[in-house]
Amino acid sequence: MSIDARARLDREELRTLLAETIDTDASEVGDDTDFVEELGVDSLMALEVVVVLERAYGVKFGEQEMRSVRTLRSAYDEVLRKLDERS
């Protein structure tokens, strides 16, 4: 992973962004907290999470990638991978 990509992606900022998007407190968004199973995020809100990530970081998710973004860790890893691909 490039240093530039890591510098552009702060885990705590991402946690806050995700929490705001799903309308919950950032303390509820643990690294491996499943948005759907544990926080009750429905499919429409899950899509909104992906759209917010795409806009915030200037990346695009494919359909399969969208389905994989269910935790802070998976969101961080996917966005970081996409940012690194562009570097």
PDB file of N, CA and C in Angstrom:
ATOM      1  N   MET A   1       0.840  -1.182   0.000  1.00  0.00           N
ATOM      2  CA  MET A   1       0.000   0.000   0.000  1.00  0.00           C
ATOM      3  C   MET A   1       0.886   1.247   0.000  1.00  0.00           C
ATOM      4  N   SER A   2       0.509   2.192  -0.764  1.00  0.00           N
ATOM      5  CA  SER A   2       1.321   3.392  -0.831  1.00  0.00           C
ATOM      6  C   SER A   2       1.084   4.266   0.397  1.00  0.00           C
ATOM      7  N   ILE A   3       2.098   5.029   0.725  1.00  0.00           N
ATOM      8  CA  ILE A   3       1.993   5.944   1.861  1.00  0.00           C
ATOM      9  C   ILE A   3       0.946   7.009   1.568  1.00  0.00           C
ATOM     10  N   ASP A   4       0.890   7.476   0.316  1.00  0.00           N
ATOM     11  CA  ASP A   4      -0.078   8.494  -0.070  1.00  0.00           C
ATOM     12  C   ASP A   4      -1.515   8.016   0.170  1.00  0.00           C
ATOM     13  N   ALA A   5      -1.814   6.783  -0.218  1.00  0.00           N
ATOM     14  CA  ALA A   5      -3.165   6.245  -0.027  1.00  0.00           C
ATOM     15  C   ALA A   5      -3.495   6.143   1.452  1.00  0.00           C
ATOM     16  N   ARG A   6      -2.550   5.661   2.242  1.00  0.00           N
ATOM     17  CA  ARG A   6      -2.776   5.550   3.685  1.00  0.00           C
ATOM     18  C   ARG A   6      -2.973   6.918   4.323  1.00  0.00           C
ATOM     19  N   ALA A   7      -2.226   7.914   3.856  1.00  0.00           N
ATOM     20  CA  ALA A   7      -2.337   9.263   4.408  1.00  0.00           C
ATOM     21  C   ALA A   7      -3.700   9.867   4.105  1.00  0.00           C
ATOM     22  N   ARG A   8      -4.275   9.500   2.968  1.00  0.00           N
ATOM     23  CA  ARG A   8      -5.574  10.050   2.574  1.00  0.00           C
ATOM     24  C   ARG A   8      -6.735   9.362   3.286  1.00  0.00           C
ATOM     25  N   LEU A   9      -6.482   8.220   3.894  1.00  0.00           N
ATOM     26  CA  LEU A   9      -7.562   7.454   4.508  1.00  0.00           C
ATOM     27  C   LEU A   9      -7.309   7.274   5.998  1.00  0.00           C
ATOM     28  N   ASP A  10      -7.997   8.042   6.794  1.00  0.00           N
ATOM     29  CA  ASP A  10      -7.885   7.958   8.243  1.00  0.00           C
ATOM     30  C   ASP A  10      -9.020   7.084   8.773  1.00  0.00           C
ATOM     31  N   ARG A  11      -8.663   6.046   9.528  1.00  0.00           N
ATOM     32  CA  ARG A  11      -9.663   5.091  10.018  1.00  0.00           C
ATOM     33  C   ARG A  11     -10.722   5.765  10.892  1.00  0.00           C
ATOM     34  N   GLU A  12     -10.321   6.697  11.740  1.00  0.00           N
ATOM     35  CA  GLU A  12     -11.291   7.335  12.631  1.00  0.00           C
ATOM     36  C   GLU A  12     -12.217   8.285  11.876  1.00  0.00           C
ATOM     37  N   GLU A  13     -11.686   8.958  10.867  1.00  0.00           N
ATOM     38  CA  GLU A  13     -12.557   9.789  10.029  1.00  0.00           C
ATOM     39  C   GLU A  13     -13.555   8.915   9.283  1.00  0.00           C
ATOM     40  N   LEU A  14     -13.082   7.768   8.805  1.00  0.00           N
ATOM     41  CA  LEU A  14     -13.965   6.827   8.119  1.00  0.00           C
ATOM     42  C   LEU A  14     -15.040   6.313   9.075  1.00  0.00           C
ATOM     43  N   ARG A  15     -14.650   5.996  10.311  1.00  0.00           N
ATOM     44  CA  ARG A  15     -15.614   5.531  11.323  1.00  0.00           C
ATOM     45  C   ARG A  15     -16.709   6.580  11.525  1.00  0.00           C
ATOM     46  N   THR A  16     -16.300   7.836  11.655  1.00  0.00           N
ATOM     47  CA  THR A  16     -17.258   8.929  11.851  1.00  0.00           C
ATOM     48  C   THR A  16     -18.175   9.076  10.643  1.00  0.00           C
ATOM     49  N   LEU A  17     -17.596   9.019   9.453  1.00  0.00           N
ATOM     50  CA  LEU A  17     -18.387   9.127   8.219  1.00  0.00           C
ATOM     51  C   LEU A  17     -19.422   8.005   8.131  1.00  0.00           C
ATOM     52  N   LEU A  18     -18.997   6.793   8.416  1.00  0.00           N
ATOM     53  CA  LEU A  18     -19.916   5.654   8.367  1.00  0.00           C
ATOM     54  C   LEU A  18     -21.012   5.790   9.421  1.00  0.00           C
ATOM     55  N   ALA A  19     -20.634   6.192  10.627  1.00  0.00           N
ATOM     56  CA  ALA A  19     -21.616   6.358  11.707  1.00  0.00           C
ATOM     57  C   ALA A  19     -22.661   7.410  11.333  1.00  0.00           C
ATOM     58  N   GLU A  20     -22.206   8.520  10.773  1.00  0.00           N
ATOM     59  CA  GLU A  20     -23.155   9.566  10.353  1.00  0.00           C
ATOM     60  C   GLU A  20     -24.083   9.050   9.261  1.00  0.00           C
ATOM     61  N   THR A  21     -23.533   8.269   8.345  1.00  0.00           N
ATOM     62  CA  THR A  21     -24.330   7.755   7.231  1.00  0.00           C
ATOM     63  C   THR A  21     -25.411   6.801   7.700  1.00  0.00           C
ATOM     64  N   ILE A  22     -25.071   5.942   8.661  1.00  0.00           N
ATOM     65  CA  ILE A  22     -26.064   4.974   9.140  1.00  0.00           C
ATOM     66  C   ILE A  22     -26.796   5.462  10.383  1.00  0.00           C
ATOM     67  N   ASP A  23     -26.552   6.730  10.738  1.00  0.00           N
ATOM     68  CA  ASP A  23     -27.257   7.389  11.840  1.00  0.00           C
ATOM     69  C   ASP A  23     -27.102   6.654  13.162  1.00  0.00           C
ATOM     70  N   THR A  24     -25.840   6.458  13.543  1.00  0.00           N
ATOM     71  CA  THR A  24     -25.546   5.848  14.830  1.00  0.00           C
ATOM     72  C   THR A  24     -24.323   6.531  15.417  1.00  0.00           C
ATOM     73  N   ASP A  25     -24.056   6.276  16.658  1.00  0.00           N
ATOM     74  CA  ASP A  25     -22.884   6.837  17.321  1.00  0.00           C
ATOM     75  C   ASP A  25     -21.628   6.127  16.835  1.00  0.00           C
ATOM     76  N   ALA A  26     -20.561   6.876  16.662  1.00  0.00           N
ATOM     77  CA  ALA A  26     -19.302   6.299  16.174  1.00  0.00           C
ATOM     78  C   ALA A  26     -18.793   5.182  17.096  1.00  0.00           C
ATOM     79  N   SER A  27     -19.116   5.249  18.371  1.00  0.00           N
ATOM     80  CA  SER A  27     -18.669   4.206  19.303  1.00  0.00           C
ATOM     81  C   SER A  27     -19.331   2.858  19.018  1.00  0.00           C
ATOM     82  N   GLU A  28     -20.433   2.876  18.282  1.00  0.00           N
ATOM     83  CA  GLU A  28     -21.126   1.644  17.909  1.00  0.00           C
ATOM     84  C   GLU A  28     -20.488   0.957  16.704  1.00  0.00           C
ATOM     85  N   VAL A  29     -19.648   1.690  15.984  1.00  0.00           N
ATOM     86  CA  VAL A  29     -19.040   1.181  14.755  1.00  0.00           C
ATOM     87  C   VAL A  29     -17.649   0.643  15.067  1.00  0.00           C
ATOM     88  N   GLY A  30     -17.609  -0.599  15.551  1.00  0.00           N
ATOM     89  CA  GLY A  30     -16.338  -1.254  15.807  1.00  0.00           C
ATOM     90  C   GLY A  30     -15.719  -1.716  14.500  1.00  0.00           C
ATOM     91  N   ASP A  31     -14.459  -2.068  14.546  1.00  0.00           N
ATOM     92  CA  ASP A  31     -13.768  -2.491  13.324  1.00  0.00           C
ATOM     93  C   ASP A  31     -14.482  -3.636  12.621  1.00  0.00           C
ATOM     94  N   ASP A  32     -15.036  -4.559  13.387  1.00  0.00           N
ATOM     95  CA  ASP A  32     -15.678  -5.738  12.800  1.00  0.00           C
ATOM     96  C   ASP A  32     -17.184  -5.806  13.073  1.00  0.00           C
ATOM     97  N   THR A  33     -17.780  -4.683  13.463  1.00  0.00           N
ATOM     98  CA  THR A  33     -19.224  -4.637  13.672  1.00  0.00           C
ATOM     99  C   THR A  33     -19.916  -4.710  12.319  1.00  0.00           C
ATOM    100  N   ASP A  34     -20.746  -5.726  12.133  1.00  0.00           N
ATOM    101  CA  ASP A  34     -21.458  -5.912  10.869  1.00  0.00           C
ATOM    102  C   ASP A  34     -22.632  -4.935  10.821  1.00  0.00           C
ATOM    103  N   PHE A  35     -22.601  -4.046   9.833  1.00  0.00           N
ATOM    104  CA  PHE A  35     -23.646  -3.027   9.733  1.00  0.00           C
ATOM    105  C   PHE A  35     -25.035  -3.628   9.611  1.00  0.00           C
ATOM    106  N   VAL A  36     -25.157  -4.695   8.856  1.00  0.00           N
ATOM    107  CA  VAL A  36     -26.456  -5.311   8.601  1.00  0.00           C
ATOM    108  C   VAL A  36     -26.899  -6.136   9.803  1.00  0.00           C
ATOM    109  N   GLU A  37     -26.057  -7.057  10.218  1.00  0.00           N
ATOM    110  CA  GLU A  37     -26.431  -7.986  11.284  1.00  0.00           C
ATOM    111  C   GLU A  37     -26.506  -7.341  12.666  1.00  0.00           C
ATOM    112  N   GLU A  38     -25.580  -6.448  12.957  1.00  0.00           N
ATOM    113  CA  GLU A  38     -25.498  -5.897  14.309  1.00  0.00           C
ATOM    114  C   GLU A  38     -26.102  -4.506  14.472  1.00  0.00           C
ATOM    115  N   LEU A  39     -26.118  -3.729  13.392  1.00  0.00           N
ATOM    116  CA  LEU A  39     -26.635  -2.366  13.492  1.00  0.00           C
ATOM    117  C   LEU A  39     -27.949  -2.163  12.755  1.00  0.00           C
ATOM    118  N   GLY A  40     -28.463  -3.215  12.138  1.00  0.00           N
ATOM    119  CA  GLY A  40     -29.775  -3.152  11.508  1.00  0.00           C
ATOM    120  C   GLY A  40     -29.848  -2.333  10.233  1.00  0.00           C
ATOM    121  N   VAL A  41     -28.729  -2.205   9.527  1.00  0.00           N
ATOM    122  CA  VAL A  41     -28.720  -1.454   8.278  1.00  0.00           C
ATOM    123  C   VAL A  41     -29.434  -2.277   7.205  1.00  0.00           C
ATOM    124  N   ASP A  42     -30.406  -1.644   6.521  1.00  0.00           N
ATOM    125  CA  ASP A  42     -31.121  -2.347   5.453  1.00  0.00           C
ATOM    126  C   ASP A  42     -30.389  -2.167   4.125  1.00  0.00           C
ATOM    127  N   SER A  43     -30.886  -2.791   3.082  1.00  0.00           N
ATOM    128  CA  SER A  43     -30.192  -2.775   1.791  1.00  0.00           C
ATOM    129  C   SER A  43     -30.097  -1.369   1.199  1.00  0.00           C
ATOM    130  N   LEU A  44     -31.100  -0.561   1.393  1.00  0.00           N
ATOM    131  CA  LEU A  44     -31.065   0.808   0.870  1.00  0.00           C
ATOM    132  C   LEU A  44     -30.004   1.632   1.589  1.00  0.00           C
ATOM    133  N   MET A  45     -29.927   1.482   2.895  1.00  0.00           N
ATOM    134  CA  MET A  45     -28.915   2.207   3.663  1.00  0.00           C
ATOM    135  C   MET A  45     -27.516   1.674   3.344  1.00  0.00           C
ATOM    136  N   ALA A  46     -27.393   0.380   3.087  1.00  0.00           N
ATOM    137  CA  ALA A  46     -26.097  -0.198   2.716  1.00  0.00           C
ATOM    138  C   ALA A  46     -25.627   0.406   1.392  1.00  0.00           C
ATOM    139  N   LEU A  47     -26.555   0.615   0.470  1.00  0.00           N
ATOM    140  CA  LEU A  47     -26.218   1.259  -0.788  1.00  0.00           C
ATOM    141  C   LEU A  47     -25.782   2.701  -0.544  1.00  0.00           C
ATOM    142  N   GLU A  48     -26.444   3.381   0.352  1.00  0.00           N
ATOM    143  CA  GLU A  48     -26.079   4.752   0.698  1.00  0.00           C
ATOM    144  C   GLU A  48     -24.663   4.809   1.273  1.00  0.00           C
ATOM    145  N   VAL A  49     -24.287   3.824   2.069  1.00  0.00           N
ATOM    146  CA  VAL A  49     -22.928   3.758   2.615  1.00  0.00           C
ATOM    147  C   VAL A  49     -21.917   3.740   1.470  1.00  0.00           C
ATOM    148  N   VAL A  50     -22.160   2.904   0.486  1.00  0.00           N
ATOM    149  CA  VAL A  50     -21.245   2.786  -0.653  1.00  0.00           C
ATOM    150  C   VAL A  50     -21.196   4.095  -1.441  1.00  0.00           C
ATOM    151  N   VAL A  51     -22.344   4.716  -1.672  1.00  0.00           N
ATOM    152  CA  VAL A  51     -22.392   5.981  -2.405  1.00  0.00           C
ATOM    153  C   VAL A  51     -21.600   7.061  -1.661  1.00  0.00           C
ATOM    154  N   VAL A  52     -21.748   7.115  -0.357  1.00  0.00           N
ATOM    155  CA  VAL A  52     -21.014   8.098   0.449  1.00  0.00           C
ATOM    156  C   VAL A  52     -19.510   7.840   0.347  1.00  0.00           C
ATOM    157  N   LEU A  53     -19.101   6.580   0.405  1.00  0.00           N
ATOM    158  CA  LEU A  53     -17.678   6.249   0.269  1.00  0.00           C
ATOM    159  C   LEU A  53     -17.156   6.652  -1.109  1.00  0.00           C
ATOM    160  N   GLU A  54     -17.934   6.383  -2.137  1.00  0.00           N
ATOM    161  CA  GLU A  54     -17.513   6.739  -3.493  1.00  0.00           C
ATOM    162  C   GLU A  54     -17.319   8.250  -3.632  1.00  0.00           C
ATOM    163  N   ARG A  55     -18.247   9.001  -3.094  1.00  0.00           N
ATOM    164  CA  ARG A  55     -18.155  10.459  -3.188  1.00  0.00           C
ATOM    165  C   ARG A  55     -17.022  11.015  -2.332  1.00  0.00           C
ATOM    166  N   ALA A  56     -16.886  10.506  -1.133  1.00  0.00           N
ATOM    167  CA  ALA A  56     -15.887  11.029  -0.204  1.00  0.00           C
ATOM    168  C   ALA A  56     -14.457  10.758  -0.668  1.00  0.00           C
ATOM    169  N   TYR A  57     -14.249   9.611  -1.295  1.00  0.00           N
ATOM    170  CA  TYR A  57     -12.885   9.213  -1.647  1.00  0.00           C
ATOM    171  C   TYR A  57     -12.636   9.142  -3.147  1.00  0.00           C
ATOM    172  N   GLY A  58     -13.639   9.473  -3.956  1.00  0.00           N
ATOM    173  CA  GLY A  58     -13.458   9.499  -5.398  1.00  0.00           C
ATOM    174  C   GLY A  58     -13.142   8.140  -5.998  1.00  0.00           C
ATOM    175  N   VAL A  59     -13.801   7.104  -5.477  1.00  0.00           N
ATOM    176  CA  VAL A  59     -13.595   5.742  -5.976  1.00  0.00           C
ATOM    177  C   VAL A  59     -14.928   5.191  -6.473  1.00  0.00           C
ATOM    178  N   LYS A  60     -14.867   4.071  -7.164  1.00  0.00           N
ATOM    179  CA  LYS A  60     -16.076   3.396  -7.640  1.00  0.00           C
ATOM    180  C   LYS A  60     -16.047   1.952  -7.182  1.00  0.00           C
ATOM    181  N   PHE A  61     -17.190   1.461  -6.733  1.00  0.00           N
ATOM    182  CA  PHE A  61     -17.332   0.075  -6.303  1.00  0.00           C
ATOM    183  C   PHE A  61     -18.121  -0.714  -7.334  1.00  0.00           C
ATOM    184  N   GLY A  62     -17.650  -1.896  -7.643  1.00  0.00           N
ATOM    185  CA  GLY A  62     -18.410  -2.825  -8.466  1.00  0.00           C
ATOM    186  C   GLY A  62     -19.474  -3.482  -7.601  1.00  0.00           C
ATOM    187  N   GLU A  63     -20.380  -4.195  -8.224  1.00  0.00           N
ATOM    188  CA  GLU A  63     -21.486  -4.821  -7.493  1.00  0.00           C
ATOM    189  C   GLU A  63     -20.994  -5.771  -6.402  1.00  0.00           C
ATOM    190  N   GLN A  64     -20.034  -6.619  -6.719  1.00  0.00           N
ATOM    191  CA  GLN A  64     -19.513  -7.567  -5.738  1.00  0.00           C
ATOM    192  C   GLN A  64     -18.808  -6.844  -4.594  1.00  0.00           C
ATOM    193  N   GLU A  65     -18.078  -5.787  -4.921  1.00  0.00           N
ATOM    194  CA  GLU A  65     -17.386  -5.008  -3.892  1.00  0.00           C
ATOM    195  C   GLU A  65     -18.380  -4.332  -2.957  1.00  0.00           C
ATOM    196  N   MET A  66     -19.494  -3.879  -3.515  1.00  0.00           N
ATOM    197  CA  MET A  66     -20.524  -3.247  -2.686  1.00  0.00           C
ATOM    198  C   MET A  66     -21.005  -4.200  -1.600  1.00  0.00           C
ATOM    199  N   ARG A  67     -21.172  -5.438  -1.974  1.00  0.00           N
ATOM    200  CA  ARG A  67     -21.668  -6.438  -1.021  1.00  0.00           C
ATOM    201  C   ARG A  67     -20.661  -6.745   0.076  1.00  0.00           C
ATOM    202  N   SER A  68     -19.391  -6.516  -0.195  1.00  0.00           N
ATOM    203  CA  SER A  68     -18.362  -6.855   0.784  1.00  0.00           C
ATOM    204  C   SER A  68     -18.187  -5.778   1.850  1.00  0.00           C
ATOM    205  N   VAL A  69     -18.726  -4.591   1.625  1.00  0.00           N
ATOM    206  CA  VAL A  69     -18.575  -3.495   2.584  1.00  0.00           C
ATOM    207  C   VAL A  69     -19.657  -3.607   3.654  1.00  0.00           C
ATOM    208  N   ARG A  70     -19.331  -4.368   4.699  1.00  0.00           N
ATOM    209  CA  ARG A  70     -20.300  -4.594   5.779  1.00  0.00           C
ATOM    210  C   ARG A  70     -19.750  -4.253   7.150  1.00  0.00           C
ATOM    211  N   THR A  71     -18.466  -3.900   7.199  1.00  0.00           N
ATOM    212  CA  THR A  71     -17.827  -3.523   8.460  1.00  0.00           C
ATOM    213  C   THR A  71     -16.892  -2.351   8.197  1.00  0.00           C
ATOM    214  N   LEU A  72     -16.465  -1.700   9.256  1.00  0.00           N
ATOM    215  CA  LEU A  72     -15.474  -0.635   9.116  1.00  0.00           C
ATOM    216  C   LEU A  72     -14.203  -1.203   8.493  1.00  0.00           C
ATOM    217  N   ARG A  73     -13.775  -2.354   8.950  1.00  0.00           N
ATOM    218  CA  ARG A  73     -12.550  -2.963   8.431  1.00  0.00           C
ATOM    219  C   ARG A  73     -12.664  -3.227   6.925  1.00  0.00           C
ATOM    220  N   SER A  74     -13.791  -3.786   6.491  1.00  0.00           N
ATOM    221  CA  SER A  74     -13.934  -4.083   5.060  1.00  0.00           C
ATOM    222  C   SER A  74     -14.039  -2.793   4.244  1.00  0.00           C
ATOM    223  N   ALA A  75     -14.700  -1.775   4.775  1.00  0.00           N
ATOM    224  CA  ALA A  75     -14.786  -0.489   4.078  1.00  0.00           C
ATOM    225  C   ALA A  75     -13.397   0.125   3.959  1.00  0.00           C
ATOM    226  N   TYR A  76     -12.646   0.124   5.037  1.00  0.00           N
ATOM    227  CA  TYR A  76     -11.295   0.676   5.044  1.00  0.00           C
ATOM    228  C   TYR A  76     -10.411  -0.053   4.037  1.00  0.00           C
ATOM    229  N   ASP A  77     -10.443  -1.377   4.089  1.00  0.00           N
ATOM    230  CA  ASP A  77      -9.605  -2.177   3.192  1.00  0.00           C
ATOM    231  C   ASP A  77      -9.952  -1.943   1.722  1.00  0.00           C
ATOM    232  N   GLU A  78     -11.242  -1.904   1.411  1.00  0.00           N
ATOM    233  CA  GLU A  78     -11.668  -1.706   0.017  1.00  0.00           C
ATOM    234  C   GLU A  78     -11.297  -0.307  -0.490  1.00  0.00           C
ATOM    235  N   VAL A  79     -11.562   0.717   0.310  1.00  0.00           N
ATOM    236  CA  VAL A  79     -11.234   2.079  -0.112  1.00  0.00           C
ATOM    237  C   VAL A  79      -9.717   2.222  -0.241  1.00  0.00           C
ATOM    238  N   LEU A  80      -8.976   1.693   0.703  1.00  0.00           N
ATOM    239  CA  LEU A  80      -7.521   1.779   0.642  1.00  0.00           C
ATOM    240  C   LEU A  80      -6.988   1.079  -0.603  1.00  0.00           C
ATOM    241  N   ARG A  81      -7.528  -0.080  -0.916  1.00  0.00           N
ATOM    242  CA  ARG A  81      -7.106  -0.816  -2.109  1.00  0.00           C
ATOM    243  C   ARG A  81      -7.372   0.009  -3.367  1.00  0.00           C
ATOM    244  N   LYS A  82      -8.545   0.635  -3.420  1.00  0.00           N
ATOM    245  CA  LYS A  82      -8.902   1.436  -4.585  1.00  0.00           C
ATOM    246  C   LYS A  82      -8.024   2.679  -4.705  1.00  0.00           C
ATOM    247  N   LEU A  83      -7.747   3.322  -3.587  1.00  0.00           N
ATOM    248  CA  LEU A  83      -6.870   4.488  -3.610  1.00  0.00           C
ATOM    249  C   LEU A  83      -5.461   4.083  -4.038  1.00  0.00           C
ATOM    250  N   ASP A  84      -5.014   2.943  -3.565  1.00  0.00           N
ATOM    251  CA  ASP A  84      -3.674   2.467  -3.891  1.00  0.00           C
ATOM    252  C   ASP A  84      -3.576   2.109  -5.379  1.00  0.00           C
ATOM    253  N   GLU A  85      -4.640   1.578  -5.949  1.00  0.00           N
ATOM    254  CA  GLU A  85      -4.653   1.236  -7.376  1.00  0.00           C
ATOM    255  C   GLU A  85      -4.474   2.483  -8.236  1.00  0.00           C
ATOM    256  N   ARG A  86      -4.994   3.600  -7.766  1.00  0.00           N
ATOM    257  CA  ARG A  86      -4.906   4.849  -8.514  1.00  0.00           C
ATOM    258  C   ARG A  86      -3.543   5.512  -8.386  1.00  0.00           C
ATOM    259  N   SER A  87      -2.804   5.157  -7.356  1.00  0.00           N
ATOM    260  CA  SER A  87      -1.493   5.817  -7.110  1.00  0.00           C
ATOM    261  C   SER A  87      -0.448   5.355  -8.092  1.00  0.00           C
TER     262      SER A  87
END
